[in-house]
Amino acid sequence: MVNKLNDGLAWGLFPVLFAAAGLTIEKIGILAAVYPAVWGAAQLVTGALSDKYGRK
């Protein structure tokens, strides 16, 4: 449920709030792209750490 809330905020609510704050479409697109990029990079790091330390 929390994961769905994060995605809903990142893809639905935050772009609307950014537009209301006066950001351009390009800046909103960059901010919206940062979320999955950071999530993907974190999966690579935490997945490797989990395999190394979490599965003993």
Foldseek 3Di string as FASTA:
>chain_A
DVVVVVVCCLPPVVLVVCVVVPDDPVVNVVSSVVVVVVVVVVCVVVVVVCVVPVPD
